[in-house]
């Protein structure tokens, strides 16, 4: 070691993953994300072009687990969440 020079050490940050990616919707009342369904990670194309799940015509009613607000959602309301 050379005297007078600082010792540089490499530190590596550990990344934590909450789990797999999923489709979610935003509560119209409180704004919290409501998880709809996980995205299948067994197929490579799902990492680049995941397909949204199908909804019946007229949408489906979901209840927010945070505030209890019930609202109808359609596939257009879904967003990708990691």
N, C-alpha and C. Protein backbone atom coordinates (compact mmCIF):
# COMPACT_ATOMS: atom_id res chain seq x y z
N UNK A 1 0.84 -1.18 0.00
CA UNK A 1 0.00 0.00 0.00
C UNK A 1 0.89 1.24 0.00
N UNK A 2 0.49 2.19 -0.82
CA UNK A 2 1.25 3.43 -0.91
C UNK A 2 0.79 4.36 0.20
N UNK A 3 1.76 4.90 0.89
CA UNK A 3 1.44 5.75 2.03
C UNK A 3 0.90 7.09 1.53
N UNK A 4 -0.17 7.58 2.19
CA UNK A 4 -0.73 8.87 1.86
C UNK A 4 -1.90 8.81 0.90
N UNK A 5 -2.12 7.69 0.22
CA UNK A 5 -3.25 7.56 -0.69
C UNK A 5 -4.42 6.88 0.02
N UNK A 6 -5.63 7.35 -0.23
CA UNK A 6 -6.78 6.71 0.42
C UNK A 6 -7.02 5.32 -0.16
N UNK A 7 -7.53 4.48 0.68
CA UNK A 7 -7.85 3.12 0.25
C UNK A 7 -9.26 3.16 -0.34
N UNK A 8 -9.36 2.74 -1.58
CA UNK A 8 -10.66 2.70 -2.23
C UNK A 8 -11.23 1.29 -2.11
N UNK A 9 -12.40 1.21 -1.63
CA UNK A 9 -13.02 -0.10 -1.53
C UNK A 9 -14.31 -0.08 -2.34
N UNK A 10 -14.58 -1.16 -2.97
CA UNK A 10 -15.81 -1.28 -3.74
C UNK A 10 -16.91 -1.82 -2.85
N UNK A 11 -18.02 -1.15 -2.87
CA UNK A 11 -19.17 -1.65 -2.14
C UNK A 11 -20.26 -1.95 -3.15
N UNK A 12 -20.91 -3.03 -2.97
CA UNK A 12 -21.96 -3.44 -3.87
C UNK A 12 -23.30 -3.34 -3.16
N UNK A 13 -24.21 -2.66 -3.80
CA UNK A 13 -25.55 -2.51 -3.22
C UNK A 13 -26.37 -3.74 -3.58
N UNK A 14 -27.00 -4.31 -2.60
CA UNK A 14 -27.88 -5.46 -2.83
C UNK A 14 -29.25 -4.97 -3.21
N UNK A 15 -29.78 -5.49 -4.28
CA UNK A 15 -31.11 -5.10 -4.70
C UNK A 15 -32.11 -6.11 -4.15
N UNK A 16 -33.20 -5.59 -3.67
CA UNK A 16 -34.25 -6.48 -3.19
C UNK A 16 -35.42 -6.41 -4.15
N UNK A 17 -36.03 -7.52 -4.39
CA UNK A 17 -37.15 -7.58 -5.29
C UNK A 17 -38.40 -7.94 -4.50
N UNK A 18 -39.48 -7.20 -4.75
CA UNK A 18 -40.72 -7.43 -4.02
C UNK A 18 -41.43 -8.68 -4.51
N UNK A 19 -41.04 -9.19 -5.61
CA UNK A 19 -41.72 -10.32 -6.19
C UNK A 19 -41.81 -10.14 -7.69
N UNK A 20 -42.71 -10.89 -8.27
CA UNK A 20 -42.82 -10.82 -9.71
C UNK A 20 -43.69 -9.64 -10.13
N UNK A 21 -43.56 -9.26 -11.40
CA UNK A 21 -44.35 -8.17 -11.95
C UNK A 21 -45.83 -8.57 -11.97
N UNK A 22 -46.70 -7.56 -11.96
CA UNK A 22 -48.12 -7.84 -11.96
C UNK A 22 -48.89 -6.73 -12.68
N UNK A 23 -50.14 -7.03 -12.98
CA UNK A 23 -51.06 -6.03 -13.50
C UNK A 23 -51.79 -5.44 -12.31
N UNK A 24 -51.96 -4.12 -12.32
CA UNK A 24 -52.61 -3.45 -11.21
C UNK A 24 -53.53 -2.36 -11.75
N UNK A 25 -54.41 -1.85 -10.87
CA UNK A 25 -55.33 -0.76 -11.20
C UNK A 25 -55.24 0.26 -10.08
N UNK A 26 -55.62 1.48 -10.37
CA UNK A 26 -55.58 2.54 -9.37
C UNK A 26 -56.98 2.76 -8.81
N UNK A 27 -57.09 2.77 -7.48
CA UNK A 27 -58.38 3.00 -6.83
C UNK A 27 -58.85 4.42 -7.15
N UNK A 28 -60.09 4.55 -7.58
CA UNK A 28 -60.65 5.84 -7.91
C UNK A 28 -60.93 6.71 -6.70
N UNK A 29 -60.88 6.13 -5.50
CA UNK A 29 -61.15 6.88 -4.28
C UNK A 29 -59.87 7.33 -3.58
N UNK A 30 -59.01 6.38 -3.22
CA UNK A 30 -57.81 6.72 -2.45
C UNK A 30 -56.54 6.77 -3.28
N UNK A 31 -56.58 6.25 -4.52
CA UNK A 31 -55.41 6.30 -5.39
C UNK A 31 -54.41 5.18 -5.20
N UNK A 32 -54.65 4.26 -4.27
CA UNK A 32 -53.75 3.14 -4.05
C UNK A 32 -53.82 2.15 -5.20
N UNK A 33 -52.72 1.45 -5.45
CA UNK A 33 -52.69 0.43 -6.49
C UNK A 33 -53.34 -0.84 -5.97
N UNK A 34 -54.21 -1.43 -6.79
CA UNK A 34 -54.88 -2.69 -6.47
C UNK A 34 -54.29 -3.75 -7.39
N UNK A 35 -53.65 -4.76 -6.85
CA UNK A 35 -53.07 -5.81 -7.67
C UNK A 35 -54.17 -6.67 -8.27
N UNK A 36 -54.10 -6.85 -9.58
CA UNK A 36 -55.10 -7.66 -10.29
C UNK A 36 -54.60 -9.08 -10.47
N UNK A 37 -53.43 -9.25 -11.12
CA UNK A 37 -52.92 -10.59 -11.38
C UNK A 37 -51.42 -10.54 -11.68
N UNK A 38 -50.71 -11.61 -11.36
CA UNK A 38 -49.28 -11.65 -11.67
C UNK A 38 -49.07 -11.85 -13.18
N UNK A 39 -47.91 -11.41 -13.66
CA UNK A 39 -47.54 -11.62 -15.06
C UNK A 39 -46.67 -12.86 -15.14
N UNK A 40 -47.04 -13.77 -16.01
CA UNK A 40 -46.33 -15.04 -16.17
C UNK A 40 -44.88 -14.76 -16.58
N UNK A 41 -43.93 -15.18 -15.75
CA UNK A 41 -42.52 -14.93 -16.07
C UNK A 41 -41.81 -16.18 -16.60
N UNK A 42 -42.58 -17.16 -17.03
CA UNK A 42 -41.96 -18.37 -17.58
C UNK A 42 -41.71 -18.26 -19.08
N UNK A 43 -42.27 -17.22 -19.71
CA UNK A 43 -42.09 -17.03 -21.15
C UNK A 43 -41.30 -15.74 -21.38
N UNK A 44 -40.28 -15.81 -22.22
CA UNK A 44 -39.42 -14.67 -22.48
C UNK A 44 -40.18 -13.48 -23.03
N UNK A 45 -41.16 -13.70 -23.90
CA UNK A 45 -41.90 -12.57 -24.50
C UNK A 45 -42.68 -11.76 -23.46
N UNK A 46 -43.01 -12.35 -22.33
CA UNK A 46 -43.73 -11.61 -21.30
C UNK A 46 -42.87 -10.55 -20.62
N UNK A 47 -41.54 -10.67 -20.76
CA UNK A 47 -40.66 -9.65 -20.22
C UNK A 47 -40.68 -8.40 -21.09
N UNK A 48 -41.03 -8.55 -22.37
CA UNK A 48 -41.02 -7.44 -23.31
C UNK A 48 -42.42 -6.99 -23.73
N UNK A 49 -43.32 -7.94 -23.95
CA UNK A 49 -44.67 -7.64 -24.42
C UNK A 49 -45.71 -8.44 -23.64
N UNK A 50 -45.87 -8.15 -22.36
CA UNK A 50 -46.87 -8.91 -21.59
C UNK A 50 -48.28 -8.55 -22.06
N UNK A 51 -49.12 -9.55 -22.16
CA UNK A 51 -50.50 -9.34 -22.60
C UNK A 51 -51.39 -9.09 -21.39
N UNK A 52 -52.26 -8.09 -21.52
CA UNK A 52 -53.20 -7.81 -20.44
C UNK A 52 -54.26 -8.90 -20.38
N UNK A 53 -54.74 -9.24 -19.19
CA UNK A 53 -55.80 -10.23 -19.08
C UNK A 53 -57.11 -9.68 -19.66
N UNK A 54 -57.95 -10.59 -20.11
CA UNK A 54 -59.23 -10.21 -20.70
C UNK A 54 -60.25 -9.89 -19.61
N UNK A 55 -61.09 -8.93 -19.88
CA UNK A 55 -62.20 -8.57 -18.99
C UNK A 55 -63.50 -8.78 -19.75
N UNK A 56 -64.57 -9.10 -19.06
CA UNK A 56 -65.86 -9.21 -19.75
C UNK A 56 -66.33 -7.82 -20.21
N UNK A 57 -67.22 -7.78 -21.19
CA UNK A 57 -67.80 -6.50 -21.62
C UNK A 57 -68.48 -5.83 -20.43
N UNK A 58 -68.26 -4.56 -20.27
CA UNK A 58 -68.84 -3.84 -19.14
C UNK A 58 -67.92 -3.80 -17.93
N UNK A 59 -66.81 -4.53 -17.97
CA UNK A 59 -65.84 -4.52 -16.87
C UNK A 59 -66.19 -5.44 -15.72
N UNK A 60 -65.38 -5.41 -14.71
CA UNK A 60 -65.54 -6.23 -13.51
C UNK A 60 -65.39 -5.34 -12.29
N UNK A 61 -66.20 -5.57 -11.29
CA UNK A 61 -66.13 -4.76 -10.07
C UNK A 61 -65.06 -5.33 -9.13
N UNK A 62 -64.24 -4.42 -8.61
CA UNK A 62 -63.22 -4.77 -7.63
C UNK A 62 -63.37 -3.86 -6.43
N UNK A 63 -62.98 -4.38 -5.26
CA UNK A 63 -63.00 -3.60 -4.03
C UNK A 63 -61.58 -3.28 -3.62
N UNK A 64 -61.32 -2.03 -3.29
CA UNK A 64 -60.00 -1.61 -2.85
C UNK A 64 -59.73 -2.19 -1.46
N UNK A 65 -58.61 -2.89 -1.26
CA UNK A 65 -58.31 -3.45 0.05
C UNK A 65 -57.93 -2.38 1.08
N UNK A 66 -57.60 -1.19 0.62
CA UNK A 66 -57.20 -0.12 1.53
C UNK A 66 -58.39 0.65 2.08
N UNK A 67 -59.29 1.11 1.18
CA UNK A 67 -60.39 1.97 1.63
C UNK A 67 -61.77 1.33 1.48
N UNK A 68 -61.86 0.18 0.79
CA UNK A 68 -63.13 -0.52 0.65
C UNK A 68 -64.01 0.00 -0.48
N UNK A 69 -63.54 0.97 -1.24
CA UNK A 69 -64.30 1.54 -2.36
C UNK A 69 -64.47 0.49 -3.46
N UNK A 70 -65.68 0.35 -3.97
CA UNK A 70 -65.96 -0.59 -5.06
C UNK A 70 -66.15 0.19 -6.35
N UNK A 71 -65.55 -0.35 -7.43
CA UNK A 71 -65.63 0.32 -8.72
C UNK A 71 -65.45 -0.71 -9.82
N UNK A 72 -66.02 -0.42 -11.00
CA UNK A 72 -65.85 -1.31 -12.14
C UNK A 72 -64.60 -0.91 -12.90
N UNK A 73 -63.83 -1.92 -13.30
CA UNK A 73 -62.59 -1.70 -14.03
C UNK A 73 -62.63 -2.52 -15.32
N UNK A 74 -61.88 -2.03 -16.33
CA UNK A 74 -61.74 -2.76 -17.59
C UNK A 74 -60.25 -2.95 -17.86
N UNK A 75 -59.92 -3.64 -18.94
CA UNK A 75 -58.52 -3.89 -19.29
C UNK A 75 -57.77 -2.57 -19.52
N UNK A 76 -58.48 -1.53 -19.92
CA UNK A 76 -57.82 -0.23 -20.15
C UNK A 76 -57.33 0.40 -18.86
N UNK A 77 -57.85 -0.02 -17.73
CA UNK A 77 -57.45 0.52 -16.42
C UNK A 77 -56.19 -0.15 -15.86
N UNK A 78 -55.78 -1.24 -16.45
CA UNK A 78 -54.63 -1.98 -15.94
C UNK A 78 -53.32 -1.29 -16.30
N UNK A 79 -52.35 -1.34 -15.39
CA UNK A 79 -51.00 -0.88 -15.69
C UNK A 79 -50.00 -1.88 -15.16
N UNK A 80 -48.82 -1.87 -15.76
CA UNK A 80 -47.73 -2.78 -15.40
C UNK A 80 -47.08 -2.29 -14.13
N UNK A 81 -46.87 -3.20 -13.19
CA UNK A 81 -46.24 -2.84 -11.91
C UNK A 81 -45.22 -3.89 -11.53
N UNK A 82 -44.03 -3.43 -11.15
CA UNK A 82 -42.98 -4.35 -10.68
C UNK A 82 -43.00 -4.45 -9.19
